[in-house]
Protein backbone atom coordinates (compact mmCIF):
# COMPACT_ATOMS: atom_id res chain seq x y z
CA MET A 1 26.71 28.85 16.98
CA LEU A 2 22.75 29.95 16.18
CA PRO A 3 21.65 32.97 17.80
CA GLY A 4 19.94 32.58 20.80
CA LEU A 5 20.54 28.92 20.79
CA ARG A 6 22.56 26.89 23.30
CA ARG A 7 23.99 23.97 21.50
CA LEU A 8 24.88 21.14 23.87
CA LEU A 9 26.17 18.23 21.83
CA LEU A 10 26.95 15.89 24.85
CA LEU A 11 23.81 14.19 26.64
CA ALA A 12 25.43 10.70 27.26
CA LEU A 13 28.61 9.15 26.68
CA ALA A 14 28.21 5.17 26.55
CA LEU A 15 31.27 3.43 25.77
CA ALA A 16 32.06 -0.42 25.67
CA SER A 17 32.26 -0.06 29.37
CA GLY A 18 28.70 0.23 29.88
CA CYS A 19 29.48 3.89 31.80
CA ALA A 20 26.40 6.21 31.04
CA HIS A 21 25.83 9.56 32.42
CA ARG A 22 22.39 11.33 31.86
CA PRO A 23 21.57 15.02 32.51
CA PRO A 24 19.67 15.57 35.88
CA GLY A 25 15.93 15.67 35.71
CA PRO A 26 13.92 18.91 34.49
CA ALA A 27 14.19 22.10 36.45
CA ALA A 28 11.10 23.76 37.67
CA GLY A 29 9.39 25.17 34.87
CA GLU A 30 10.85 23.24 31.99
CA LEU A 31 9.89 21.00 29.48
CA ARG A 32 11.95 18.26 28.43
CA ILE A 33 11.34 16.62 24.86
CA TYR A 34 13.49 13.42 23.87
CA LEU A 35 13.22 13.15 20.22
CA ALA A 36 14.02 9.55 18.72
CA ARG A 37 13.65 8.23 15.31
CA HIS A 38 11.90 5.00 14.51
CA GLY A 39 13.94 2.21 14.20
CA GLN A 40 15.36 0.68 10.78
CA THR A 41 12.98 -0.61 8.25
CA ASP A 42 13.73 -2.66 5.18
CA ARG A 43 13.30 0.34 3.27
CA ASN A 44 15.78 2.17 5.07
CA ALA A 45 18.34 -0.46 4.40
CA GLU A 46 17.57 -0.59 0.82
CA TYR A 47 17.96 3.41 0.57
CA ARG A 48 14.28 3.74 -0.56
CA LEU A 49 12.22 6.58 0.32
CA GLN A 50 9.18 5.88 2.19
CA GLY A 51 7.13 8.90 2.90
CA TRP A 52 3.55 7.53 3.89
CA ILE A 53 4.29 4.41 2.80
CA ASP A 54 3.03 2.39 5.84
CA THR A 55 6.05 -0.02 6.81
CA HIS A 56 7.41 -1.84 9.53
CA ILE A 57 10.48 -1.99 11.70
CA ASN A 58 12.99 -4.92 10.81
CA ALA A 59 14.83 -7.03 13.35
CA THR A 60 17.65 -4.58 13.23
CA GLY A 61 15.02 -1.84 13.95
CA ARG A 62 13.59 -3.67 16.94
CA GLU A 63 17.22 -4.10 18.04
CA GLN A 64 17.36 -0.38 17.99
CA ALA A 65 14.29 0.29 19.47
CA MET A 66 15.56 -1.90 22.77
CA SER A 67 18.64 -0.04 22.76
CA LEU A 68 16.58 3.23 23.29
CA ALA A 69 14.51 1.71 25.91
CA GLU A 70 17.46 0.88 28.01
CA ARG A 71 19.26 4.04 27.37
CA LEU A 72 15.72 5.93 28.42
CA GLU A 73 15.55 3.45 31.65
CA GLY A 74 14.81 5.53 34.64
CA ILE A 75 13.45 8.42 33.08
CA ARG A 76 9.67 9.06 33.97
CA PHE A 77 7.94 10.34 30.94
CA ASP A 78 4.56 12.44 31.43
CA ALA A 79 3.54 11.29 27.94
CA VAL A 80 4.78 9.45 24.90
CA TYR A 81 3.91 10.27 21.30
CA SER A 82 4.24 8.67 18.11
CA SER A 83 3.23 9.36 14.48
CA ALA A 84 0.25 7.60 12.86
CA LEU A 85 2.63 5.28 10.76
CA ALA A 86 3.45 1.78 11.92
CA ARG A 87 7.01 2.20 12.09
CA SER A 88 7.20 4.95 14.69
CA ARG A 89 4.56 3.31 16.73
CA GLU A 90 6.33 0.04 16.77
CA THR A 91 9.25 1.54 18.27
CA ALA A 92 7.39 3.74 20.75
CA GLU A 93 5.64 0.64 21.82
CA ILE A 94 8.67 -1.19 22.63
CA VAL A 95 10.04 2.08 24.61
CA HIS A 96 7.12 3.26 26.36
CA ARG A 97 6.72 1.00 29.48
CA ALA A 98 3.32 1.79 31.12
CA VAL A 99 2.49 5.31 29.40
CA PRO A 100 0.20 5.30 26.67
CA ILE A 101 1.14 6.06 23.07
CA ASP A 102 -0.57 9.03 21.54
CA SER A 103 -0.60 8.33 17.69
CA LEU A 104 -0.61 11.85 15.92
CA PRO A 105 -1.21 11.90 12.35
CA GLY A 106 0.72 15.53 12.49
CA LEU A 107 3.94 13.82 13.45
CA ASN A 108 3.74 11.54 10.20
CA GLU A 109 6.86 12.03 7.81
CA ARG A 110 6.26 14.30 4.62
CA ARG A 111 4.43 12.80 1.92
CA LEU A 112 7.10 12.51 -1.07
CA GLY A 113 4.37 11.99 -3.96
CA LYS A 114 6.15 10.65 -7.08
CA TYR A 115 9.45 9.76 -5.11
CA GLU A 116 8.16 7.47 -2.70
CA GLY A 117 9.31 4.11 -3.12
CA VAL A 118 12.70 5.35 -5.08
CA VAL A 119 16.14 4.40 -4.08
CA VAL A 120 18.43 7.43 -3.31
CA GLY A 121 21.38 5.60 -2.40
CA GLY A 122 23.64 2.26 -3.15
CA PRO A 123 24.13 0.78 -6.38
CA ALA A 124 20.63 0.46 -7.38
CA SER A 125 20.15 4.33 -7.30
CA ASP A 126 19.62 6.39 -10.67
CA SER A 127 22.01 9.26 -10.44
CA ALA A 128 19.57 11.84 -12.47
CA THR A 129 16.60 11.08 -10.36
CA VAL A 130 18.44 11.30 -7.00
CA ALA A 131 19.79 14.72 -8.27
CA GLU A 132 15.91 15.83 -9.39
CA PHE A 133 14.84 14.59 -5.80
CA ASN A 134 17.34 16.46 -4.16
CA ARG A 135 16.87 19.84 -5.97
CA ARG A 136 12.98 19.34 -5.60
CA VAL A 137 12.88 18.45 -2.12
CA ARG A 138 14.20 21.75 -0.83
CA ASP A 139 12.14 23.77 -2.76
CA PRO A 140 9.46 25.23 -0.31
CA GLY A 141 6.63 25.16 -2.88
CA ASP A 142 7.15 21.93 -4.52
CA ALA A 143 4.37 18.98 -4.10
CA LEU A 144 6.50 16.40 -5.45
CA ASP A 145 3.86 15.61 -7.71
CA GLY A 146 1.19 14.29 -5.39
CA GLY A 147 3.24 14.86 -2.60
CA GLU A 148 3.26 17.49 0.31
CA THR A 149 5.14 21.16 -0.10
CA LEU A 150 8.09 21.47 2.13
CA GLU A 151 5.97 24.66 3.69
CA HIS A 152 2.98 22.34 3.82
CA PHE A 153 5.03 19.58 5.62
CA TYR A 154 6.80 22.17 8.23
CA GLU A 155 3.35 24.17 9.14
CA ARG A 156 1.86 20.56 9.64
CA VAL A 157 4.35 19.53 12.11
CA ARG A 158 4.77 22.93 13.78
CA ALA A 159 1.14 23.09 14.48
CA THR A 160 1.47 19.61 16.16
CA VAL A 161 4.36 20.83 18.03
CA GLU A 162 2.33 23.66 19.48
CA GLU A 163 -0.63 21.37 20.42
CA ILE A 164 1.77 18.98 22.40
CA ARG A 165 3.39 22.02 24.04
CA ARG A 166 -0.01 23.16 25.18
CA ARG A 167 -0.74 19.93 26.84
CA HIS A 168 2.77 19.82 28.59
CA ARG A 169 4.05 23.53 29.51
CA VAL A 170 6.69 21.28 32.03
CA GLY A 171 7.63 17.86 32.62
CA THR A 172 9.11 15.20 30.36
CA ILE A 173 7.87 13.51 27.10
CA LEU A 174 9.11 11.30 24.42
CA ILE A 175 8.28 11.96 20.51
CA VAL A 176 9.15 8.89 18.26
CA ALA A 177 8.86 10.31 15.00
CA HIS A 178 10.65 10.29 11.42
CA GLY A 179 14.18 11.72 9.86
CA GLY A 180 12.17 14.51 8.11
CA THR A 181 9.64 15.36 10.65
CA ASN A 182 12.20 15.70 13.40
CA GLN A 183 13.91 18.13 11.21
CA MET A 184 10.99 20.05 11.29
CA VAL A 185 10.31 19.74 14.69
CA LEU A 186 13.78 21.07 15.71
CA ARG A 187 13.05 24.24 13.16
CA ALA A 188 9.77 24.72 15.20
CA LEU A 189 11.35 24.37 18.70
CA LEU A 190 14.68 25.90 17.97
CA GLY A 191 13.52 28.76 15.36
CA LEU A 192 16.06 27.12 12.71
CA THR A 193 15.83 28.27 9.00
CA ALA A 194 14.48 25.85 6.52
CA GLY A 195 18.24 25.42 5.27
CA GLN A 196 19.83 24.74 8.86
CA ALA A 197 16.87 22.13 9.50
CA SER A 198 17.63 20.35 5.94
CA ASN A 199 21.15 19.80 7.16
CA ILE A 200 19.91 17.80 10.25
CA SER A 201 20.60 13.98 9.87
CA GLN A 202 19.26 11.81 12.64
CA ALA A 203 20.15 8.04 12.08
CA ASN A 204 17.62 5.50 13.27
CA ASP A 205 19.18 4.90 16.46
CA GLU A 206 20.04 8.68 17.33
CA LEU A 207 18.69 10.50 20.39
CA TYR A 208 18.06 14.14 20.76
CA LEU A 209 16.80 16.15 23.87
CA ILE A 210 15.49 19.60 23.75
CA GLU A 211 15.28 21.48 27.00
CA VAL A 212 12.53 24.35 26.96
CA SER A 213 12.47 27.08 29.30
CA GLY A 214 10.58 30.36 29.49
CA GLY A 215 13.42 31.74 31.35
CA ARG A 216 16.28 31.02 28.48
CA PRO A 217 17.15 29.90 25.11
CA PRO A 218 16.11 26.38 24.06
CA ALA A 219 19.12 23.75 24.57
CA LEU A 220 19.49 20.97 22.42
CA TRP A 221 21.70 17.72 23.50
CA LYS A 222 22.39 14.70 21.38
CA LEU A 223 23.29 11.23 22.73
CA ILE A 224 27.18 10.33 21.99
CA THR A 225 27.75 6.79 22.13
CA GLU A 226 30.81 4.35 20.76
CA LYS A 227 29.17 4.34 17.39
CA ASN A 228 29.32 8.36 16.67
CA LEU A 229 32.23 9.71 18.72
CA GLY A 230 33.32 11.48 15.37
CA ASP A 231 30.41 13.91 16.06
CA LEU A 232 32.34 15.45 19.05
């Protein structure tokens, strides 16, 4: 267990029976941040890196976004945030209901330089290129030949998270962003190291909840469904 951090893995258990249980509303003085990743894109399905390439969610991604909307039904959001990239905003548009969406470039995915568009999984991938990318992407000072260093990426996301928290000291908000961005959001909120954050892998249909209160350490919850029961 990380020092000062209560890691609470069970947010909801929703099996084929349709039974689901959510935690109660925020306590006094508490900010609840629901953290989602955008729905699947064709490039996700191809194991192709996207970075700042502005792709759209596909049919599976729309189904994932609609499932997310169902899971969040009944939760009153004070604000909904997305990145400025289409796949993030399109997902938020399916979920947000009447709450306006604030699209923030600071929540964009990391710029991946020469690796944007590269296939990093499946039979079409090149093992040497994948090994090179995996080595370079964790180097805090490597800008990936025209991209963004890890530390610049983290500072950009951290500053955006701080601005969101200045706007919302308490209440309930939703952030819909990206796999890499959400690593940095959790790094900032939970005080993780770069290595700890890089080990977080959020699928397109996974949902986290972070509870932030001045009176106790932050708490991280993860939605558990029939699909990811193995995470328990």
